[in-house]
Amino acid sequence: RVTQLGGPSLRGGGFLMPSSMGGDPNDILAQILGQVGGMHPRYHGPAGGDKPPPEEAEINFLGCFAESQLEKVELKYYGEGNAGSFNAMYWHATGDHVPYFAMARHGEPLGHAFTAHGFVHSDEKPKWGIYDGCGTRCQDDPNRWCGCSHEGSRGFPNPECMDNENEKRFA
């Protein structure tokens, strides 16, 4: 029974109050927090992210880098479907006002991606080279590399880099 201050007794709830929570409050809290995490902007595409980069944009593939080569770089993380979309990451980098982005996708078009201001060492050499490509092609542009992330134990394998569990190759 709920009593409104200065008002009549309310049975079964009131304005913005459920009549019954139902279930374990810990389960409800876990469910709400799980949904909040997915709402974080880093999991969503940027405005206009479906459109390709402008034709006059100068875009260069710099190579296939190990995750350890990015550890000391100032990065902004973007996850989920951003890692399978070249267009989305181009527009994230544009929106973040940075010249670089890196992507490592699973077999499915989702994974890990970053925008970055630059490299710690200006002469950083990619661990897996430049000319042999890098992992899996992008879902939205099959002419571009979207890297590779193999996390089979989490249910996210990628046959392009199954040499080591948890290996990530960033294009």
N, C-alpha and C. Protein backbone atom coordinates (compact mmCIF):
# COMPACT_ATOMS: atom_id res chain seq x y z
N ARG A 1 0.85 -1.18 0.00
CA ARG A 1 0.00 0.00 0.00
C ARG A 1 0.89 1.23 0.00
N VAL A 2 0.60 2.17 -0.90
CA VAL A 2 1.36 3.41 -1.04
C VAL A 2 0.46 4.56 -0.67
N THR A 3 0.97 5.49 0.09
CA THR A 3 0.19 6.66 0.46
C THR A 3 0.85 7.89 -0.12
N GLN A 4 0.10 8.66 -0.86
CA GLN A 4 0.62 9.90 -1.43
C GLN A 4 0.56 10.96 -0.35
N LEU A 5 1.61 11.72 -0.23
CA LEU A 5 1.66 12.76 0.77
C LEU A 5 0.52 13.75 0.54
N GLY A 6 -0.31 13.91 1.53
CA GLY A 6 -1.42 14.85 1.44
C GLY A 6 -2.54 14.38 0.53
N GLY A 7 -2.54 13.11 0.15
CA GLY A 7 -3.58 12.63 -0.74
C GLY A 7 -4.15 11.32 -0.29
N PRO A 8 -5.06 10.76 -1.06
CA PRO A 8 -5.68 9.50 -0.68
C PRO A 8 -4.72 8.33 -0.83
N SER A 9 -5.07 7.26 -0.22
CA SER A 9 -4.29 6.04 -0.30
C SER A 9 -4.40 5.46 -1.71
N LEU A 10 -3.25 5.00 -2.26
CA LEU A 10 -3.25 4.39 -3.59
C LEU A 10 -3.00 2.90 -3.46
N ARG A 11 -3.85 2.13 -4.04
CA ARG A 11 -3.66 0.69 -4.03
C ARG A 11 -3.26 0.24 -5.42
N GLY A 12 -2.20 -0.55 -5.49
CA GLY A 12 -1.77 -1.06 -6.80
C GLY A 12 -0.89 -0.10 -7.55
N GLY A 13 -0.31 0.87 -6.90
CA GLY A 13 0.64 1.76 -7.57
C GLY A 13 0.05 3.11 -7.87
N GLY A 14 0.87 4.01 -8.30
CA GLY A 14 0.47 5.36 -8.63
C GLY A 14 1.20 5.81 -9.87
N PHE A 15 1.18 7.08 -10.13
CA PHE A 15 1.84 7.63 -11.30
C PHE A 15 3.33 7.28 -11.28
N LEU A 16 3.81 6.65 -12.35
CA LEU A 16 5.19 6.22 -12.51
C LEU A 16 5.65 5.20 -11.47
N MET A 17 4.70 4.53 -10.84
CA MET A 17 5.05 3.50 -9.87
C MET A 17 4.40 2.20 -10.30
N PRO A 18 5.19 1.15 -10.50
CA PRO A 18 4.58 -0.13 -10.86
C PRO A 18 3.78 -0.67 -9.69
N SER A 19 2.72 -1.39 -10.03
CA SER A 19 1.90 -1.97 -8.97
C SER A 19 2.65 -3.09 -8.28
N SER A 20 3.51 -3.77 -9.02
CA SER A 20 4.31 -4.83 -8.42
C SER A 20 5.59 -4.97 -9.23
N MET A 21 6.71 -5.06 -8.57
CA MET A 21 7.98 -5.23 -9.26
C MET A 21 8.05 -6.61 -9.88
N GLY A 22 7.53 -7.61 -9.23
CA GLY A 22 7.55 -8.96 -9.76
C GLY A 22 8.96 -9.47 -9.95
N GLY A 23 9.28 -10.61 -9.46
CA GLY A 23 10.59 -11.20 -9.64
C GLY A 23 11.62 -10.67 -8.65
N ASP A 24 12.78 -11.19 -8.78
CA ASP A 24 13.90 -10.84 -7.90
C ASP A 24 14.44 -9.46 -8.30
N PRO A 25 14.52 -8.51 -7.36
CA PRO A 25 15.05 -7.18 -7.69
C PRO A 25 16.46 -7.23 -8.28
N ASN A 26 17.29 -8.19 -7.87
CA ASN A 26 18.63 -8.31 -8.44
C ASN A 26 18.57 -8.67 -9.92
N ASP A 27 17.63 -9.54 -10.29
CA ASP A 27 17.45 -9.91 -11.70
C ASP A 27 17.00 -8.71 -12.52
N ILE A 28 16.10 -7.94 -11.97
CA ILE A 28 15.60 -6.76 -12.67
C ILE A 28 16.72 -5.75 -12.85
N LEU A 29 17.51 -5.53 -11.81
CA LEU A 29 18.64 -4.59 -11.89
C LEU A 29 19.65 -5.06 -12.94
N ALA A 30 19.96 -6.33 -12.94
CA ALA A 30 20.91 -6.87 -13.94
C ALA A 30 20.37 -6.68 -15.34
N GLN A 31 19.08 -6.87 -15.52
CA GLN A 31 18.45 -6.71 -16.83
C GLN A 31 18.54 -5.25 -17.28
N ILE A 32 18.26 -4.33 -16.38
CA ILE A 32 18.32 -2.91 -16.72
C ILE A 32 19.75 -2.49 -17.05
N LEU A 33 20.72 -2.90 -16.23
CA LEU A 33 22.11 -2.54 -16.49
C LEU A 33 22.62 -3.14 -17.79
N GLY A 34 22.17 -4.34 -18.12
CA GLY A 34 22.55 -4.96 -19.39
C GLY A 34 22.06 -4.16 -20.58
N GLN A 35 20.87 -3.59 -20.47
CA GLN A 35 20.32 -2.79 -21.55
C GLN A 35 21.01 -1.43 -21.65
N VAL A 36 21.39 -0.86 -20.53
CA VAL A 36 22.06 0.44 -20.52
C VAL A 36 23.40 0.35 -21.23
N GLY A 37 24.15 -0.73 -21.01
CA GLY A 37 25.45 -0.88 -21.67
C GLY A 37 25.34 -0.83 -23.18
N GLY A 38 24.32 -1.45 -23.74
CA GLY A 38 24.12 -1.45 -25.19
C GLY A 38 23.72 -0.11 -25.75
N MET A 39 23.28 0.80 -24.88
CA MET A 39 22.86 2.13 -25.33
C MET A 39 24.04 3.09 -25.42
N HIS A 40 25.21 2.70 -24.94
CA HIS A 40 26.37 3.59 -24.96
C HIS A 40 26.68 3.98 -26.41
N PRO A 41 26.98 5.25 -26.66
CA PRO A 41 27.23 5.71 -28.03
C PRO A 41 28.33 4.95 -28.76
N ARG A 42 29.29 4.38 -28.04
CA ARG A 42 30.39 3.70 -28.72
C ARG A 42 29.92 2.46 -29.48
N TYR A 43 28.72 1.99 -29.19
CA TYR A 43 28.19 0.82 -29.88
C TYR A 43 27.31 1.18 -31.08
N HIS A 44 27.10 2.45 -31.30
CA HIS A 44 26.23 2.88 -32.39
C HIS A 44 27.04 3.52 -33.50
N GLY A 45 26.49 3.47 -34.68
CA GLY A 45 27.14 4.10 -35.82
C GLY A 45 27.04 5.61 -35.73
N PRO A 46 27.91 6.31 -36.42
CA PRO A 46 27.87 7.78 -36.42
C PRO A 46 26.76 8.28 -37.32
N ALA A 47 26.43 9.54 -37.19
CA ALA A 47 25.46 10.15 -38.09
C ALA A 47 26.00 10.06 -39.51
N GLY A 48 25.20 9.57 -40.43
CA GLY A 48 25.63 9.43 -41.81
C GLY A 48 26.58 8.28 -42.04
N GLY A 49 26.71 7.38 -41.09
CA GLY A 49 27.69 6.30 -41.16
C GLY A 49 27.47 5.28 -42.25
N ASP A 50 26.29 5.27 -42.85
CA ASP A 50 26.04 4.32 -43.93
C ASP A 50 26.56 4.81 -45.28
N LYS A 51 26.75 6.12 -45.39
CA LYS A 51 27.20 6.65 -46.68
C LYS A 51 28.72 6.49 -46.81
N PRO A 52 29.20 6.25 -48.01
CA PRO A 52 30.65 6.08 -48.21
C PRO A 52 31.38 7.40 -48.02
N PRO A 53 32.70 7.31 -47.79
CA PRO A 53 33.49 8.55 -47.68
C PRO A 53 33.42 9.33 -48.99
N PRO A 54 33.63 10.63 -48.94
CA PRO A 54 33.62 11.43 -50.18
C PRO A 54 34.73 10.94 -51.13
N GLU A 55 34.47 11.04 -52.41
CA GLU A 55 35.44 10.56 -53.40
C GLU A 55 36.78 11.28 -53.29
N GLU A 56 36.77 12.54 -52.88
CA GLU A 56 38.02 13.30 -52.78
C GLU A 56 38.80 13.00 -51.49
N ALA A 57 38.23 12.21 -50.59
CA ALA A 57 38.92 11.89 -49.33
C ALA A 57 40.19 11.07 -49.63
N GLU A 58 41.27 11.44 -48.96
CA GLU A 58 42.53 10.71 -49.10
C GLU A 58 42.60 9.66 -48.01
N ILE A 59 42.46 8.38 -48.41
CA ILE A 59 42.43 7.28 -47.45
C ILE A 59 43.51 6.28 -47.84
N ASN A 60 44.38 5.97 -46.88
CA ASN A 60 45.47 5.03 -47.14
C ASN A 60 45.45 3.89 -46.14
N PHE A 61 45.63 2.68 -46.64
CA PHE A 61 45.78 1.51 -45.78
C PHE A 61 47.22 1.49 -45.29
N LEU A 62 47.44 1.55 -43.97
CA LEU A 62 48.79 1.64 -43.42
C LEU A 62 49.37 0.29 -43.04
N GLY A 63 48.54 -0.75 -43.00
CA GLY A 63 49.04 -2.07 -42.67
C GLY A 63 48.17 -2.81 -41.68
N CYS A 64 48.71 -3.94 -41.23
CA CYS A 64 47.99 -4.85 -40.34
C CYS A 64 48.73 -4.90 -38.99
N PHE A 65 48.20 -4.22 -37.99
CA PHE A 65 48.88 -4.01 -36.72
C PHE A 65 48.38 -4.94 -35.63
N ALA A 66 49.28 -5.30 -34.73
CA ALA A 66 48.92 -6.08 -33.55
C ALA A 66 48.29 -5.15 -32.51
N GLU A 67 47.44 -5.72 -31.69
CA GLU A 67 46.80 -4.92 -30.64
C GLU A 67 47.86 -4.28 -29.73
N SER A 68 48.95 -4.98 -29.47
CA SER A 68 50.01 -4.44 -28.60
C SER A 68 50.64 -3.18 -29.19
N GLN A 69 50.59 -3.01 -30.51
CA GLN A 69 51.16 -1.82 -31.13
C GLN A 69 50.29 -0.59 -30.91
N LEU A 70 49.06 -0.80 -30.45
CA LEU A 70 48.14 0.31 -30.22
C LEU A 70 47.99 0.66 -28.74
N GLU A 71 48.66 -0.11 -27.86
CA GLU A 71 48.45 0.03 -26.42
C GLU A 71 48.79 1.41 -25.86
N LYS A 72 49.79 2.07 -26.38
CA LYS A 72 50.21 3.35 -25.82
C LYS A 72 49.66 4.54 -26.60
N VAL A 73 48.79 4.28 -27.54
CA VAL A 73 48.20 5.33 -28.36
C VAL A 73 46.92 5.82 -27.70
N GLU A 74 46.63 7.10 -27.81
CA GLU A 74 45.36 7.63 -27.30
C GLU A 74 44.25 7.18 -28.24
N LEU A 75 43.40 6.29 -27.74
CA LEU A 75 42.36 5.67 -28.56
C LEU A 75 40.98 5.99 -28.02
N LYS A 76 40.02 6.00 -28.91
CA LYS A 76 38.61 6.06 -28.53
C LYS A 76 37.96 4.81 -29.09
N TYR A 77 37.37 4.01 -28.22
CA TYR A 77 36.84 2.70 -28.60
C TYR A 77 35.45 2.80 -29.22
N TYR A 78 35.25 2.02 -30.26
CA TYR A 78 33.94 1.82 -30.86
C TYR A 78 33.80 0.32 -31.08
N GLY A 79 32.72 -0.26 -30.62
CA GLY A 79 32.57 -1.70 -30.74
C GLY A 79 31.39 -2.10 -31.61
N GLU A 80 31.07 -3.39 -31.49
CA GLU A 80 29.93 -4.00 -32.17
C GLU A 80 30.06 -3.86 -33.69
N GLY A 81 28.99 -3.41 -34.36
CA GLY A 81 28.96 -3.35 -35.82
C GLY A 81 29.88 -2.33 -36.43
N ASN A 82 30.37 -1.37 -35.65
CA ASN A 82 31.31 -0.39 -36.19
C ASN A 82 32.55 -1.06 -36.77
N ALA A 83 32.98 -2.17 -36.16
CA ALA A 83 34.20 -2.84 -36.60
C ALA A 83 34.04 -3.56 -37.93
N GLY A 84 32.85 -3.76 -38.39
CA GLY A 84 32.63 -4.40 -39.68
C GLY A 84 32.29 -3.42 -40.78
N SER A 85 32.24 -2.13 -40.44
CA SER A 85 31.82 -1.11 -41.40
C SER A 85 32.91 -0.06 -41.60
N PHE A 86 33.52 -0.10 -42.77
CA PHE A 86 34.54 0.91 -43.09
C PHE A 86 33.93 2.30 -43.07
N ASN A 87 32.75 2.44 -43.65
CA ASN A 87 32.09 3.74 -43.72
C ASN A 87 31.85 4.31 -42.32
N ALA A 88 31.34 3.49 -41.41
CA ALA A 88 31.06 3.96 -40.05
C ALA A 88 32.33 4.46 -39.39
N MET A 89 33.43 3.72 -39.52
CA MET A 89 34.66 4.14 -38.86
C MET A 89 35.27 5.38 -39.52
N TYR A 90 35.11 5.53 -40.82
CA TYR A 90 35.57 6.76 -41.47
C TYR A 90 34.84 7.96 -40.86
N TRP A 91 33.52 7.84 -40.71
CA TRP A 91 32.73 8.95 -40.18
C TRP A 91 32.97 9.15 -38.69
N HIS A 92 33.25 8.09 -37.94
CA HIS A 92 33.64 8.27 -36.52
C HIS A 92 34.95 9.07 -36.45
N ALA A 93 35.93 8.71 -37.26
CA ALA A 93 37.21 9.43 -37.25
C ALA A 93 37.00 10.90 -37.65
N THR A 94 36.17 11.14 -38.64
CA THR A 94 35.87 12.50 -39.06
C THR A 94 35.21 13.27 -37.91
N GLY A 95 34.24 12.65 -37.26
CA GLY A 95 33.55 13.29 -36.13
C GLY A 95 34.45 13.51 -34.94
N ASP A 96 35.42 12.63 -34.72
CA ASP A 96 36.37 12.77 -33.61
C ASP A 96 37.54 13.69 -33.96
N HIS A 97 37.60 14.14 -35.21
CA HIS A 97 38.67 15.04 -35.69
C HIS A 97 40.05 14.40 -35.53
N VAL A 98 40.14 13.13 -35.93
CA VAL A 98 41.42 12.42 -35.86
C VAL A 98 41.75 11.83 -37.23
N PRO A 99 43.03 11.63 -37.53
CA PRO A 99 43.42 11.15 -38.86
C PRO A 99 43.45 9.62 -39.01
N TYR A 100 43.29 8.85 -37.92
CA TYR A 100 43.45 7.40 -38.01
C TYR A 100 42.28 6.66 -37.39
N PHE A 101 42.02 5.47 -37.94
CA PHE A 101 41.12 4.53 -37.28
C PHE A 101 41.62 3.13 -37.56
N ALA A 102 41.29 2.21 -36.65
CA ALA A 102 41.73 0.82 -36.75
C ALA A 102 40.55 -0.09 -36.44
N MET A 103 40.49 -1.22 -37.15
CA MET A 103 39.35 -2.13 -37.02
C MET A 103 39.84 -3.57 -36.95
N ALA A 104 39.17 -4.38 -36.12
CA ALA A 104 39.45 -5.82 -36.04
C ALA A 104 38.10 -6.51 -35.87
N ARG A 105 37.63 -7.14 -36.94
CA ARG A 105 36.29 -7.73 -36.90
C ARG A 105 36.34 -9.24 -36.75
N HIS A 106 35.25 -9.76 -36.22
CA HIS A 106 35.07 -11.21 -36.11
C HIS A 106 34.60 -11.74 -37.47
N GLY A 107 34.32 -13.04 -37.54
CA GLY A 107 33.76 -13.60 -38.76
C GLY A 107 32.45 -12.91 -39.12
N GLU A 108 31.63 -12.66 -38.11
CA GLU A 108 30.44 -11.84 -38.30
C GLU A 108 30.89 -10.38 -38.33
N PRO A 109 30.14 -9.48 -38.98
CA PRO A 109 30.60 -8.09 -39.08
C PRO A 109 30.40 -7.28 -37.80
N LEU A 110 31.13 -7.67 -36.76
CA LEU A 110 31.18 -6.92 -35.52
C LEU A 110 32.51 -7.21 -34.86
N GLY A 111 32.91 -6.39 -33.91
CA GLY A 111 34.20 -6.60 -33.27
C GLY A 111 34.67 -5.39 -32.51
N HIS A 112 35.93 -4.98 -32.75
CA HIS A 112 36.58 -3.91 -32.00
C HIS A 112 37.12 -2.88 -32.99
N ALA A 113 36.95 -1.61 -32.66
CA ALA A 113 37.46 -0.55 -33.53
C ALA A 113 37.82 0.66 -32.67
N PHE A 114 38.75 1.47 -33.19
CA PHE A 114 39.23 2.65 -32.48
C PHE A 114 39.42 3.79 -33.46
N THR A 115 39.31 4.99 -32.95
CA THR A 115 39.85 6.15 -33.66
C THR A 115 41.08 6.58 -32.87
N ALA A 116 42.05 7.22 -33.55
CA ALA A 116 43.31 7.56 -32.89
C ALA A 116 43.90 8.84 -33.47
N HIS A 117 44.65 9.53 -32.62
CA HIS A 117 45.34 10.76 -33.05
C HIS A 117 46.63 10.45 -33.81
N GLY A 118 47.24 9.32 -33.54
CA GLY A 118 48.49 8.96 -34.20
C GLY A 118 49.13 7.77 -33.54
N PHE A 119 50.35 7.50 -33.90
CA PHE A 119 51.10 6.39 -33.35
C PHE A 119 52.12 6.91 -32.33
N VAL A 120 52.51 6.05 -31.41
CA VAL A 120 53.54 6.42 -30.43
C VAL A 120 54.86 6.64 -31.16
N HIS A 121 55.17 5.76 -32.09
CA HIS A 121 56.39 5.87 -32.90
C HIS A 121 55.98 6.19 -34.32
N SER A 122 56.48 7.27 -34.86
CA SER A 122 56.07 7.67 -36.21
C SER A 122 56.48 6.66 -37.27
N ASP A 123 57.49 5.85 -36.98
CA ASP A 123 57.95 4.85 -37.95
C ASP A 123 57.49 3.44 -37.59
N GLU A 124 56.35 3.33 -36.89
CA GLU A 124 55.81 2.03 -36.47
C GLU A 124 55.56 1.13 -37.68
N LYS A 125 56.13 -0.06 -37.66
CA LYS A 125 55.97 -1.03 -38.75
C LYS A 125 54.87 -2.03 -38.37
N PRO A 126 53.91 -2.26 -39.24
CA PRO A 126 52.84 -3.21 -38.92
C PRO A 126 53.37 -4.64 -38.77
N LYS A 127 52.93 -5.32 -37.73
CA LYS A 127 53.39 -6.68 -37.44
C LYS A 127 53.13 -7.62 -38.61
N TRP A 128 51.97 -7.49 -39.27
CA TRP A 128 51.61 -8.41 -40.34
C TRP A 128 51.74 -7.76 -41.72
N GLY A 129 52.50 -6.71 -41.81
CA GLY A 129 52.80 -6.13 -43.11
C GLY A 129 51.74 -5.21 -43.66
N ILE A 130 51.98 -4.86 -44.94
CA ILE A 130 51.13 -3.90 -45.64
C ILE A 130 50.50 -4.52 -46.88
N TYR A 131 51.25 -5.32 -47.58
CA TYR A 131 50.84 -5.75 -48.92
C TYR A 131 50.01 -7.02 -48.97
N ASP A 132 49.91 -7.75 -47.87
CA ASP A 132 49.15 -9.00 -47.88
C ASP A 132 47.73 -8.83 -47.36
N GLY A 133 47.28 -7.62 -47.18
CA GLY A 133 45.94 -7.39 -46.65
C GLY A 133 45.93 -7.52 -45.14
N CYS A 134 44.71 -7.61 -44.59
CA CYS A 134 44.60 -7.71 -43.14
C CYS A 134 43.26 -8.31 -42.75
N GLY A 135 43.24 -9.60 -42.54
CA GLY A 135 42.05 -10.26 -42.00
C GLY A 135 40.92 -10.42 -42.99
N THR A 136 39.79 -9.86 -42.63
CA THR A 136 38.54 -10.03 -43.36
C THR A 136 38.16 -8.71 -44.03
N ARG A 137 37.54 -8.83 -45.19
CA ARG A 137 37.08 -7.64 -45.90
C ARG A 137 35.89 -7.02 -45.16
N CYS A 138 35.69 -5.73 -45.37
CA CYS A 138 34.59 -5.01 -44.72
C CYS A 138 33.25 -5.39 -45.32
N GLN A 139 32.23 -5.42 -44.49
CA GLN A 139 30.88 -5.77 -44.91
C GLN A 139 30.35 -4.77 -45.94
N ASP A 140 30.61 -3.49 -45.73
CA ASP A 140 30.03 -2.46 -46.59
C ASP A 140 30.93 -2.04 -47.76
N ASP A 141 32.19 -2.48 -47.75
CA ASP A 141 33.10 -2.15 -48.84
C ASP A 141 34.10 -3.29 -49.02
N PRO A 142 33.79 -4.25 -49.88
CA PRO A 142 34.65 -5.43 -50.03
C PRO A 142 36.03 -5.14 -50.62
N ASN A 143 36.30 -3.90 -50.99
CA ASN A 143 37.63 -3.51 -51.46
C ASN A 143 38.54 -3.10 -50.31
N ARG A 144 37.99 -3.04 -49.11
CA ARG A 144 38.75 -2.56 -47.95
C ARG A 144 38.89 -3.66 -46.90
N TRP A 145 39.97 -3.60 -46.12
CA TRP A 145 40.24 -4.56 -45.05
C TRP A 145 39.67 -4.03 -43.74
N CYS A 146 39.05 -4.93 -42.99
CA CYS A 146 38.50 -4.57 -41.67
C CYS A 146 39.19 -5.32 -40.54
N GLY A 147 40.36 -5.88 -40.81
CA GLY A 147 41.12 -6.54 -39.76
C GLY A 147 40.54 -7.89 -39.37
N CYS A 148 40.95 -8.36 -38.21
CA CYS A 148 40.59 -9.71 -37.79
C CYS A 148 40.62 -9.80 -36.28
N SER A 149 39.60 -10.40 -35.71
CA SER A 149 39.56 -10.65 -34.27
C SER A 149 39.02 -12.06 -34.05
N HIS A 150 39.84 -12.90 -33.44
CA HIS A 150 39.43 -14.29 -33.16
C HIS A 150 39.26 -14.45 -31.65
N GLU A 151 38.02 -14.54 -31.22
CA GLU A 151 37.69 -14.77 -29.82
C GLU A 151 36.72 -15.94 -29.76
N GLY A 152 37.19 -17.09 -30.20
CA GLY A 152 36.37 -18.29 -30.29
C GLY A 152 35.76 -18.72 -28.97
N SER A 153 36.49 -18.56 -27.88
CA SER A 153 35.98 -18.97 -26.57
C SER A 153 34.78 -18.13 -26.14
N ARG A 154 34.66 -16.93 -26.69
CA ARG A 154 33.51 -16.06 -26.40
C ARG A 154 32.41 -16.25 -27.44
N GLY A 155 32.64 -17.13 -28.42
CA GLY A 155 31.65 -17.35 -29.46
C GLY A 155 31.79 -16.43 -30.65
N PHE A 156 32.97 -15.80 -30.80
CA PHE A 156 33.22 -14.88 -31.90
C PHE A 156 34.47 -15.27 -32.66
N PRO A 157 34.42 -16.38 -33.41
CA PRO A 157 35.60 -16.80 -34.16
C PRO A 157 35.79 -16.00 -35.44
N ASN A 158 36.98 -16.06 -35.97
CA ASN A 158 37.26 -15.53 -37.30
C ASN A 158 38.30 -16.45 -37.92
N PRO A 159 37.93 -17.19 -38.96
CA PRO A 159 38.85 -18.14 -39.57
C PRO A 159 40.09 -17.50 -40.20
N GLU A 160 40.07 -16.19 -40.40
CA GLU A 160 41.21 -15.50 -41.00
C GLU A 160 42.38 -15.34 -40.04
N CYS A 161 42.14 -15.51 -38.73
CA CYS A 161 43.24 -15.36 -37.76
C CYS A 161 43.08 -16.33 -36.59
N MET A 162 42.93 -17.59 -36.91
CA MET A 162 42.71 -18.60 -35.87
C MET A 162 44.00 -19.17 -35.30
N ASP A 163 45.15 -18.55 -35.61
CA ASP A 163 46.43 -19.04 -35.09
C ASP A 163 46.47 -19.02 -33.57
N ASN A 164 45.95 -17.95 -32.98
CA ASN A 164 45.98 -17.80 -31.53
C ASN A 164 44.62 -17.32 -31.04
N GLU A 165 44.16 -17.88 -29.91
CA GLU A 165 42.93 -17.41 -29.28
C GLU A 165 43.14 -15.96 -28.83
N ASN A 166 42.14 -15.15 -29.00
CA ASN A 166 42.15 -13.74 -28.64
C ASN A 166 43.10 -12.89 -29.49
N GLU A 167 43.48 -13.39 -30.65
CA GLU A 167 44.33 -12.60 -31.54
C GLU A 167 43.50 -11.53 -32.23
N LYS A 168 44.06 -10.34 -32.28
CA LYS A 168 43.40 -9.23 -32.99
C LYS A 168 44.42 -8.60 -33.93
N ARG A 169 44.02 -8.46 -35.17
CA ARG A 169 44.85 -7.80 -36.18
C ARG A 169 44.07 -6.58 -36.65
N PHE A 170 44.63 -5.42 -36.42
CA PHE A 170 43.92 -4.17 -36.74
C PHE A 170 44.35 -3.60 -38.07
N ALA A 171 43.38 -3.39 -38.94
CA ALA A 171 43.62 -2.76 -40.24
C ALA A 171 43.42 -1.26 -40.09
